Amino acid sequence: MTAGSLSGGGPTPRYRKRRPVPALVMLVLLGLGATIVWLQVIDRHNKDAAAGVHCDPPTTPTAESGQPAPPPPPTLGQHVDQTSIIV
């Protein structure tokens, strides 16, 4: 007499195979969600970068009462001396 199956030597039951469809559906949903998030991040980054590059032109300074008129601003692209920079 041999040890082993108690059912009398018949075929042993096989383990149930896992179904791949639920895992594939979850993988597709996670990929779709990640794609949507990254597209929004990239779009927002492009808008912020465009806003940072475009600057308003400098305004002309006005004289306060009792003060002499300030010098006119230099034209854009002109080198400015360190002594003329006002902090």
PDB file of N, CA and C in Angstrom:
ATOM      1  N   MET A   1       0.839  -1.172   0.000  1.00  0.00           N
ATOM      2  CA  MET A   1       0.000   0.000   0.000  1.00  0.00           C
ATOM      3  C   MET A   1       0.887   1.239   0.000  1.00  0.00           C
ATOM      4  N   THR A   2       0.560   2.208  -0.860  1.00  0.00           N
ATOM      5  CA  THR A   2       1.357   3.426  -0.970  1.00  0.00           C
ATOM      6  C   THR A   2       0.630   4.585  -0.326  1.00  0.00           C
ATOM      7  N   ALA A   3       1.404   5.526   0.167  1.00  0.00           N
ATOM      8  CA  ALA A   3       0.820   6.733   0.756  1.00  0.00           C
ATOM      9  C   ALA A   3       0.552   7.730  -0.355  1.00  0.00           C
ATOM     10  N   GLY A   4      -0.395   8.590  -0.170  1.00  0.00           N
ATOM     11  CA  GLY A   4      -0.657   9.591  -1.194  1.00  0.00           C
ATOM     12  C   GLY A   4      -2.110   9.938  -1.235  1.00  0.00           C
ATOM     13  N   SER A   5      -2.708   9.741  -2.372  1.00  0.00           N
ATOM     14  CA  SER A   5      -4.085  10.130  -2.587  1.00  0.00           C
ATOM     15  C   SER A   5      -5.034   9.243  -1.793  1.00  0.00           C
ATOM     16  N   LEU A   6      -5.992   9.864  -1.167  1.00  0.00           N
ATOM     17  CA  LEU A   6      -6.978   9.111  -0.393  1.00  0.00           C
ATOM     18  C   LEU A   6      -8.193   8.745  -1.228  1.00  0.00           C
ATOM     19  N   SER A   7      -8.264   9.241  -2.450  1.00  0.00           N
ATOM     20  CA  SER A   7      -9.443   9.000  -3.269  1.00  0.00           C
ATOM     21  C   SER A   7      -9.361   7.686  -4.038  1.00  0.00           C
ATOM     22  N   GLY A   8      -8.339   6.957  -3.821  1.00  0.00           N
ATOM     23  CA  GLY A   8      -8.268   5.659  -4.461  1.00  0.00           C
ATOM     24  C   GLY A   8      -7.454   5.655  -5.736  1.00  0.00           C
ATOM     25  N   GLY A   9      -6.601   6.602  -5.939  1.00  0.00           N
ATOM     26  CA  GLY A   9      -5.717   6.578  -7.096  1.00  0.00           C
ATOM     27  C   GLY A   9      -6.263   7.275  -8.320  1.00  0.00           C
ATOM     28  N   GLY A  10      -7.339   8.035  -8.188  1.00  0.00           N
ATOM     29  CA  GLY A  10      -7.894   8.756  -9.331  1.00  0.00           C
ATOM     30  C   GLY A  10      -7.054   9.990  -9.655  1.00  0.00           C
ATOM     31  N   PRO A  11      -7.435  10.719 -10.680  1.00  0.00           N
ATOM     32  CA  PRO A  11      -6.680  11.938 -11.040  1.00  0.00           C
ATOM     33  C   PRO A  11      -6.778  12.993  -9.934  1.00  0.00           C
ATOM     34  N   THR A  12      -5.683  13.657  -9.686  1.00  0.00           N
ATOM     35  CA  THR A  12      -5.655  14.689  -8.646  1.00  0.00           C
ATOM     36  C   THR A  12      -6.291  15.966  -9.189  1.00  0.00           C
ATOM     37  N   PRO A  13      -7.002  16.694  -8.361  1.00  0.00           N
ATOM     38  CA  PRO A  13      -7.619  17.948  -8.845  1.00  0.00           C
ATOM     39  C   PRO A  13      -6.550  18.996  -9.139  1.00  0.00           C
ATOM     40  N   ARG A  14      -6.725  19.676 -10.235  1.00  0.00           N
ATOM     41  CA  ARG A  14      -5.762  20.712 -10.634  1.00  0.00           C
ATOM     42  C   ARG A  14      -6.164  22.052 -10.020  1.00  0.00           C
ATOM     43  N   TYR A  15      -5.182  22.876  -9.833  1.00  0.00           N
ATOM     44  CA  TYR A  15      -5.480  24.219  -9.330  1.00  0.00           C
ATOM     45  C   TYR A  15      -6.166  25.023 -10.422  1.00  0.00           C
ATOM     46  N   ARG A  16      -7.050  25.900 -10.016  1.00  0.00           N
ATOM     47  CA  ARG A  16      -7.766  26.742 -10.964  1.00  0.00           C
ATOM     48  C   ARG A  16      -6.814  27.804 -11.518  1.00  0.00           C
ATOM     49  N   LYS A  17      -6.800  27.967 -12.795  1.00  0.00           N
ATOM     50  CA  LYS A  17      -5.930  28.984 -13.408  1.00  0.00           C
ATOM     51  C   LYS A  17      -6.532  30.361 -13.194  1.00  0.00           C
ATOM     52  N   ARG A  18      -5.667  31.329 -13.060  1.00  0.00           N
ATOM     53  CA  ARG A  18      -6.137  32.709 -12.887  1.00  0.00           C
ATOM     54  C   ARG A  18      -6.552  33.270 -14.232  1.00  0.00           C
ATOM     55  N   ARG A  19      -7.570  34.131 -14.182  1.00  0.00           N
ATOM     56  CA  ARG A  19      -8.031  34.782 -15.407  1.00  0.00           C
ATOM     57  C   ARG A  19      -7.257  36.080 -15.603  1.00  0.00           C
ATOM     58  N   PRO A  20      -6.680  36.304 -16.776  1.00  0.00           N
ATOM     59  CA  PRO A  20      -5.877  37.512 -16.995  1.00  0.00           C
ATOM     60  C   PRO A  20      -6.704  38.752 -17.329  1.00  0.00           C
ATOM     61  N   VAL A  21      -7.975  38.602 -17.665  1.00  0.00           N
ATOM     62  CA  VAL A  21      -8.783  39.745 -18.116  1.00  0.00           C
ATOM     63  C   VAL A  21      -8.919  40.821 -17.033  1.00  0.00           C
ATOM     64  N   PRO A  22      -9.253  40.521 -15.779  1.00  0.00           N
ATOM     65  CA  PRO A  22      -9.361  41.594 -14.784  1.00  0.00           C
ATOM     66  C   PRO A  22      -8.040  42.338 -14.565  1.00  0.00           C
ATOM     67  N   ALA A  23      -6.936  41.612 -14.597  1.00  0.00           N
ATOM     68  CA  ALA A  23      -5.636  42.277 -14.423  1.00  0.00           C
ATOM     69  C   ALA A  23      -5.334  43.181 -15.612  1.00  0.00           C
ATOM     70  N   LEU A  24      -5.665  42.738 -16.808  1.00  0.00           N
ATOM     71  CA  LEU A  24      -5.430  43.574 -17.992  1.00  0.00           C
ATOM     72  C   LEU A  24      -6.318  44.809 -17.989  1.00  0.00           C
ATOM     73  N   VAL A  25      -7.561  44.675 -17.563  1.00  0.00           N
ATOM     74  CA  VAL A  25      -8.468  45.826 -17.475  1.00  0.00           C
ATOM     75  C   VAL A  25      -7.926  46.842 -16.473  1.00  0.00           C
ATOM     76  N   MET A  26      -7.453  46.355 -15.319  1.00  0.00           N
ATOM     77  CA  MET A  26      -6.893  47.258 -14.308  1.00  0.00           C
ATOM     78  C   MET A  26      -5.632  47.946 -14.833  1.00  0.00           C
ATOM     79  N   LEU A  27      -4.799  47.218 -15.545  1.00  0.00           N
ATOM     80  CA  LEU A  27      -3.582  47.795 -16.111  1.00  0.00           C
ATOM     81  C   LEU A  27      -3.909  48.882 -17.136  1.00  0.00           C
ATOM     82  N   VAL A  28      -4.906  48.638 -17.967  1.00  0.00           N
ATOM     83  CA  VAL A  28      -5.320  49.637 -18.964  1.00  0.00           C
ATOM     84  C   VAL A  28      -5.881  50.874 -18.269  1.00  0.00           C
ATOM     85  N   LEU A  29      -6.699  50.698 -17.235  1.00  0.00           N
ATOM     86  CA  LEU A  29      -7.271  51.847 -16.518  1.00  0.00           C
ATOM     87  C   LEU A  29      -6.190  52.671 -15.824  1.00  0.00           C
ATOM     88  N   LEU A  30      -5.227  52.008 -15.202  1.00  0.00           N
ATOM     89  CA  LEU A  30      -4.131  52.744 -14.557  1.00  0.00           C
ATOM     90  C   LEU A  30      -3.280  53.486 -15.584  1.00  0.00           C
ATOM     91  N   GLY A  31      -3.028  52.858 -16.718  1.00  0.00           N
ATOM     92  CA  GLY A  31      -2.268  53.527 -17.779  1.00  0.00           C
ATOM     93  C   GLY A  31      -2.998  54.726 -18.331  1.00  0.00           C
ATOM     94  N   LEU A  32      -4.309  54.594 -18.506  1.00  0.00           N
ATOM     95  CA  LEU A  32      -5.117  55.711 -19.002  1.00  0.00           C
ATOM     96  C   LEU A  32      -5.121  56.865 -18.000  1.00  0.00           C
ATOM     97  N   GLY A  33      -5.266  56.542 -16.719  1.00  0.00           N
ATOM     98  CA  GLY A  33      -5.238  57.587 -15.689  1.00  0.00           C
ATOM     99  C   GLY A  33      -3.897  58.298 -15.638  1.00  0.00           C
ATOM    100  N   ALA A  34      -2.802  57.546 -15.730  1.00  0.00           N
ATOM    101  CA  ALA A  34      -1.473  58.154 -15.713  1.00  0.00           C
ATOM    102  C   ALA A  34      -1.260  59.044 -16.933  1.00  0.00           C
ATOM    103  N   THR A  35      -1.760  58.614 -18.090  1.00  0.00           N
ATOM    104  CA  THR A  35      -1.623  59.418 -19.303  1.00  0.00           C
ATOM    105  C   THR A  35      -2.379  60.737 -19.170  1.00  0.00           C
ATOM    106  N   ILE A  36      -3.581  60.695 -18.642  1.00  0.00           N
ATOM    107  CA  ILE A  36      -4.375  61.919 -18.466  1.00  0.00           C
ATOM    108  C   ILE A  36      -3.672  62.876 -17.506  1.00  0.00           C
ATOM    109  N   VAL A  37      -3.150  62.352 -16.402  1.00  0.00           N
ATOM    110  CA  VAL A  37      -2.471  63.213 -15.422  1.00  0.00           C
ATOM    111  C   VAL A  37      -1.246  63.852 -16.045  1.00  0.00           C
ATOM    112  N   TRP A  38      -0.428  63.083 -16.753  1.00  0.00           N
ATOM    113  CA  TRP A  38       0.787  63.656 -17.343  1.00  0.00           C
ATOM    114  C   TRP A  38       0.474  64.667 -18.433  1.00  0.00           C
ATOM    115  N   LEU A  39      -0.566  64.442 -19.209  1.00  0.00           N
ATOM    116  CA  LEU A  39      -0.933  65.429 -20.232  1.00  0.00           C
ATOM    117  C   LEU A  39      -1.354  66.749 -19.593  1.00  0.00           C
ATOM    118  N   GLN A  40      -2.064  66.703 -18.468  1.00  0.00           N
ATOM    119  CA  GLN A  40      -2.444  67.932 -17.778  1.00  0.00           C
ATOM    120  C   GLN A  40      -1.219  68.634 -17.198  1.00  0.00           C
ATOM    121  N   VAL A  41      -0.280  67.877 -16.666  1.00  0.00           N
ATOM    122  CA  VAL A  41       0.934  68.479 -16.107  1.00  0.00           C
ATOM    123  C   VAL A  41       1.737  69.157 -17.205  1.00  0.00           C
ATOM    124  N   ILE A  42       1.895  68.495 -18.333  1.00  0.00           N
ATOM    125  CA  ILE A  42       2.666  69.075 -19.437  1.00  0.00           C
ATOM    126  C   ILE A  42       1.966  70.313 -19.977  1.00  0.00           C
ATOM    127  N   ASP A  43       0.643  70.274 -20.111  1.00  0.00           N
ATOM    128  CA  ASP A  43      -0.103  71.424 -20.621  1.00  0.00           C
ATOM    129  C   ASP A  43       0.019  72.610 -19.670  1.00  0.00           C
ATOM    130  N   ARG A  44      -0.103  72.360 -18.366  1.00  0.00           N
ATOM    131  CA  ARG A  44       0.013  73.438 -17.385  1.00  0.00           C
ATOM    132  C   ARG A  44       1.422  74.019 -17.383  1.00  0.00           C
ATOM    133  N   HIS A  45       2.429  73.161 -17.557  1.00  0.00           N
ATOM    134  CA  HIS A  45       3.818  73.626 -17.578  1.00  0.00           C
ATOM    135  C   HIS A  45       4.055  74.541 -18.779  1.00  0.00           C
ATOM    136  N   ASN A  46       3.488  74.219 -19.931  1.00  0.00           N
ATOM    137  CA  ASN A  46       3.663  75.053 -21.113  1.00  0.00           C
ATOM    138  C   ASN A  46       3.013  76.422 -20.915  1.00  0.00           C
ATOM    139  N   LYS A  47       1.856  76.462 -20.263  1.00  0.00           N
ATOM    140  CA  LYS A  47       1.189  77.748 -20.027  1.00  0.00           C
ATOM    141  C   LYS A  47       1.998  78.600 -19.055  1.00  0.00           C
ATOM    142  N   ASP A  48       2.528  77.992 -17.988  1.00  0.00           N
ATOM    143  CA  ASP A  48       3.328  78.732 -17.020  1.00  0.00           C
ATOM    144  C   ASP A  48       4.625  79.230 -17.638  1.00  0.00           C
ATOM    145  N   ALA A  49       5.233  78.425 -18.481  1.00  0.00           N
ATOM    146  CA  ALA A  49       6.485  78.820 -19.116  1.00  0.00           C
ATOM    147  C   ALA A  49       6.251  79.990 -20.075  1.00  0.00           C
ATOM    148  N   ALA A  50       5.148  79.969 -20.800  1.00  0.00           N
ATOM    149  CA  ALA A  50       4.852  81.060 -21.728  1.00  0.00           C
ATOM    150  C   ALA A  50       4.586  82.354 -20.967  1.00  0.00           C
ATOM    151  N   ALA A  51       3.937  82.262 -19.811  1.00  0.00           N
ATOM    152  CA  ALA A  51       3.658  83.463 -19.024  1.00  0.00           C
ATOM    153  C   ALA A  51       4.944  84.037 -18.429  1.00  0.00           C
ATOM    154  N   GLY A  52       5.906  83.179 -18.119  1.00  0.00           N
ATOM    155  CA  GLY A  52       7.155  83.647 -17.541  1.00  0.00           C
ATOM    156  C   GLY A  52       8.073  84.300 -18.557  1.00  0.00           C
ATOM    157  N   VAL A  53       7.952  83.957 -19.822  1.00  0.00           N
ATOM    158  CA  VAL A  53       8.827  84.500 -20.850  1.00  0.00           C
ATOM    159  C   VAL A  53       8.372  85.889 -21.279  1.00  0.00           C
ATOM    160  N   HIS A  54       7.066  86.093 -21.358  1.00  0.00           N
ATOM    161  CA  HIS A  54       6.547  87.380 -21.828  1.00  0.00           C
ATOM    162  C   HIS A  54       6.446  88.357 -20.661  1.00  0.00           C
ATOM    163  N   CYS A  55       7.110  89.481 -20.801  1.00  0.00           N
ATOM    164  CA  CYS A  55       7.106  90.499 -19.751  1.00  0.00           C
ATOM    165  C   CYS A  55       6.404  91.756 -20.263  1.00  0.00           C
ATOM    166  N   ASP A  56       5.837  92.499 -19.348  1.00  0.00           N
ATOM    167  CA  ASP A  56       5.269  93.784 -19.701  1.00  0.00           C
ATOM    168  C   ASP A  56       6.407  94.767 -19.946  1.00  0.00           C
ATOM    169  N   PRO A  57       6.224  95.706 -20.870  1.00  0.00           N
ATOM    170  CA  PRO A  57       7.275  96.708 -21.082  1.00  0.00           C
ATOM    171  C   PRO A  57       7.403  97.598 -19.844  1.00  0.00           C
ATOM    172  N   PRO A  58       8.602  98.117 -19.595  1.00  0.00           N
ATOM    173  CA  PRO A  58       8.778  98.956 -18.415  1.00  0.00           C
ATOM    174  C   PRO A  58       7.967 100.250 -18.519  1.00  0.00           C
ATOM    175  N   THR A  59       7.472 100.699 -17.395  1.00  0.00           N
ATOM    176  CA  THR A  59       6.715 101.952 -17.379  1.00  0.00           C
ATOM    177  C   THR A  59       7.679 103.117 -17.189  1.00  0.00           C
ATOM    178  N   THR A  60       7.283 104.258 -17.643  1.00  0.00           N
ATOM    179  CA  THR A  60       8.130 105.439 -17.479  1.00  0.00           C
ATOM    180  C   THR A  60       7.920 105.986 -16.072  1.00  0.00           C
ATOM    181  N   PRO A  61       8.999 106.277 -15.369  1.00  0.00           N
ATOM    182  CA  PRO A  61       8.859 106.798 -14.009  1.00  0.00           C
ATOM    183  C   PRO A  61       8.316 108.226 -14.039  1.00  0.00           C
ATOM    184  N   THR A  62       7.525 108.551 -13.048  1.00  0.00           N
ATOM    185  CA  THR A  62       6.972 109.909 -12.935  1.00  0.00           C
ATOM    186  C   THR A  62       7.616 110.606 -11.743  1.00  0.00           C
ATOM    187  N   ALA A  63       7.677 111.901 -11.816  1.00  0.00           N
ATOM    188  CA  ALA A  63       8.288 112.689 -10.752  1.00  0.00           C
ATOM    189  C   ALA A  63       7.288 112.911  -9.631  1.00  0.00           C
ATOM    190  N   GLU A  64       7.758 112.739  -8.396  1.00  0.00           N
ATOM    191  CA  GLU A  64       6.909 113.042  -7.253  1.00  0.00           C
ATOM    192  C   GLU A  64       6.942 114.545  -7.013  1.00  0.00           C
ATOM    193  N   SER A  65       5.993 115.040  -6.229  1.00  0.00           N
ATOM    194  CA  SER A  65       5.936 116.489  -6.014  1.00  0.00           C
ATOM    195  C   SER A  65       7.178 116.952  -5.261  1.00  0.00           C
ATOM    196  N   GLY A  66       7.802 117.988  -5.760  1.00  0.00           N
ATOM    197  CA  GLY A  66       8.987 118.558  -5.131  1.00  0.00           C
ATOM    198  C   GLY A  66      10.277 117.838  -5.477  1.00  0.00           C
ATOM    199  N   GLN A  67      10.235 116.839  -6.313  1.00  0.00           N
ATOM    200  CA  GLN A  67      11.428 116.084  -6.698  1.00  0.00           C
ATOM    201  C   GLN A  67      11.760 116.388  -8.156  1.00  0.00           C
ATOM    202  N   PRO A  68      13.046 116.294  -8.508  1.00  0.00           N
ATOM    203  CA  PRO A  68      13.399 116.508  -9.922  1.00  0.00           C
ATOM    204  C   PRO A  68      12.908 115.321 -10.759  1.00  0.00           C
ATOM    205  N   ALA A  69      12.726 115.560 -12.016  1.00  0.00           N
ATOM    206  CA  ALA A  69      12.241 114.515 -12.919  1.00  0.00           C
ATOM    207  C   ALA A  69      13.291 113.402 -13.030  1.00  0.00           C
ATOM    208  N   PRO A  70      12.881 112.154 -12.961  1.00  0.00           N
ATOM    209  CA  PRO A  70      13.844 111.057 -13.082  1.00  0.00           C
ATOM    210  C   PRO A  70      14.362 110.941 -14.516  1.00  0.00           C
ATOM    211  N   PRO A  71      15.530 110.347 -14.678  1.00  0.00           N
ATOM    212  CA  PRO A  71      16.056 110.202 -16.043  1.00  0.00           C
ATOM    213  C   PRO A  71      15.182 109.219 -16.831  1.00  0.00           C
ATOM    214  N   PRO A  72      15.142 109.377 -18.138  1.00  0.00           N
ATOM    215  CA  PRO A  72      14.319 108.458 -18.946  1.00  0.00           C
ATOM    216  C   PRO A  72      14.916 107.049 -18.877  1.00  0.00           C
ATOM    217  N   PRO A  73      14.081 106.040 -18.965  1.00  0.00           N
ATOM    218  CA  PRO A  73      14.603 104.668 -18.912  1.00  0.00           C
ATOM    219  C   PRO A  73      15.418 104.353 -20.162  1.00  0.00           C
ATOM    220  N   PRO A  74      16.407 103.495 -20.028  1.00  0.00           N
ATOM    221  CA  PRO A  74      17.204 103.142 -21.210  1.00  0.00           C
ATOM    222  C   PRO A  74      16.365 102.297 -22.173  1.00  0.00           C
ATOM    223  N   THR A  75      16.748 102.315 -23.419  1.00  0.00           N
ATOM    224  CA  THR A  75      16.024 101.487 -24.388  1.00  0.00           C
ATOM    225  C   THR A  75      16.345 100.023 -24.108  1.00  0.00           C
ATOM    226  N   LEU A  76      15.427  99.169 -24.486  1.00  0.00           N
ATOM    227  CA  LEU A  76      15.613  97.748 -24.239  1.00  0.00           C
ATOM    228  C   LEU A  76      16.824  97.233 -25.007  1.00  0.00           C
ATOM    229  N   GLY A  77      17.623  96.431 -24.325  1.00  0.00           N
ATOM    230  CA  GLY A  77      18.817  95.858 -24.927  1.00  0.00           C
ATOM    231  C   GLY A  77      20.050  96.727 -24.734  1.00  0.00           C
ATOM    232  N   GLN A  78      19.925  97.875 -24.090  1.00  0.00           N
ATOM    233  CA  GLN A  78      21.050  98.768 -23.867  1.00  0.00           C
ATOM    234  C   GLN A  78      21.710  98.413 -22.526  1.00  0.00           C
ATOM    235  N   HIS A  79      23.052  98.467 -22.483  1.00  0.00           N
ATOM    236  CA  HIS A  79      23.785  98.155 -21.259  1.00  0.00           C
ATOM    237  C   HIS A  79      23.535  99.261 -20.233  1.00  0.00           C
ATOM    238  N   VAL A  80      23.249  98.842 -18.993  1.00  0.00           N
ATOM    239  CA  VAL A  80      22.975  99.781 -17.917  1.00  0.00           C
ATOM    240  C   VAL A  80      24.127  99.715 -16.931  1.00  0.00           C
ATOM    241  N   ASP A  81      24.608 100.875 -16.513  1.00  0.00           N
ATOM    242  CA  ASP A  81      25.693 100.943 -15.540  1.00  0.00           C
ATOM    243  C   ASP A  81      25.186 100.546 -14.152  1.00  0.00           C
ATOM    244  N   GLN A  82      26.072  99.980 -13.310  1.00  0.00           N
ATOM    245  CA  GLN A  82      25.664  99.537 -11.985  1.00  0.00           C
ATOM    246  C   GLN A  82      25.190 100.698 -11.114  1.00  0.00           C
ATOM    247  N   THR A  83      25.745 101.862 -11.291  1.00  0.00           N
ATOM    248  CA  THR A  83      25.375 103.000 -10.434  1.00  0.00           C
ATOM    249  C   THR A  83      23.970 103.519 -10.751  1.00  0.00           C
ATOM    250  N   SER A  84      23.464 103.220 -11.947  1.00  0.00           N
ATOM    251  CA  SER A  84      22.128 103.722 -12.297  1.00  0.00           C
ATOM    252  C   SER A  84      21.018 102.750 -11.914  1.00  0.00           C
ATOM    253  N   ILE A  85      21.370 101.569 -11.399  1.00  0.00           N
ATOM    254  CA  ILE A  85      20.357 100.605 -10.986  1.00  0.00           C
ATOM    255  C   ILE A  85      19.828 100.999  -9.612  1.00  0.00           C
ATOM    256  N   ILE A  86      18.516 101.159  -9.517  1.00  0.00           N
ATOM    257  CA  ILE A  86      17.875 101.530  -8.253  1.00  0.00           C
ATOM    258  C   ILE A  86      17.298 100.269  -7.636  1.00  0.00           C
ATOM    259  N   VAL A  87      17.598 100.041  -6.385  1.00  0.00           N
ATOM    260  CA  VAL A  87      17.100  98.835  -5.713  1.00  0.00           C
ATOM    261  C   VAL A  87      15.828  99.128  -4.984  1.00  0.00           C
TER     262      VAL A  87
END
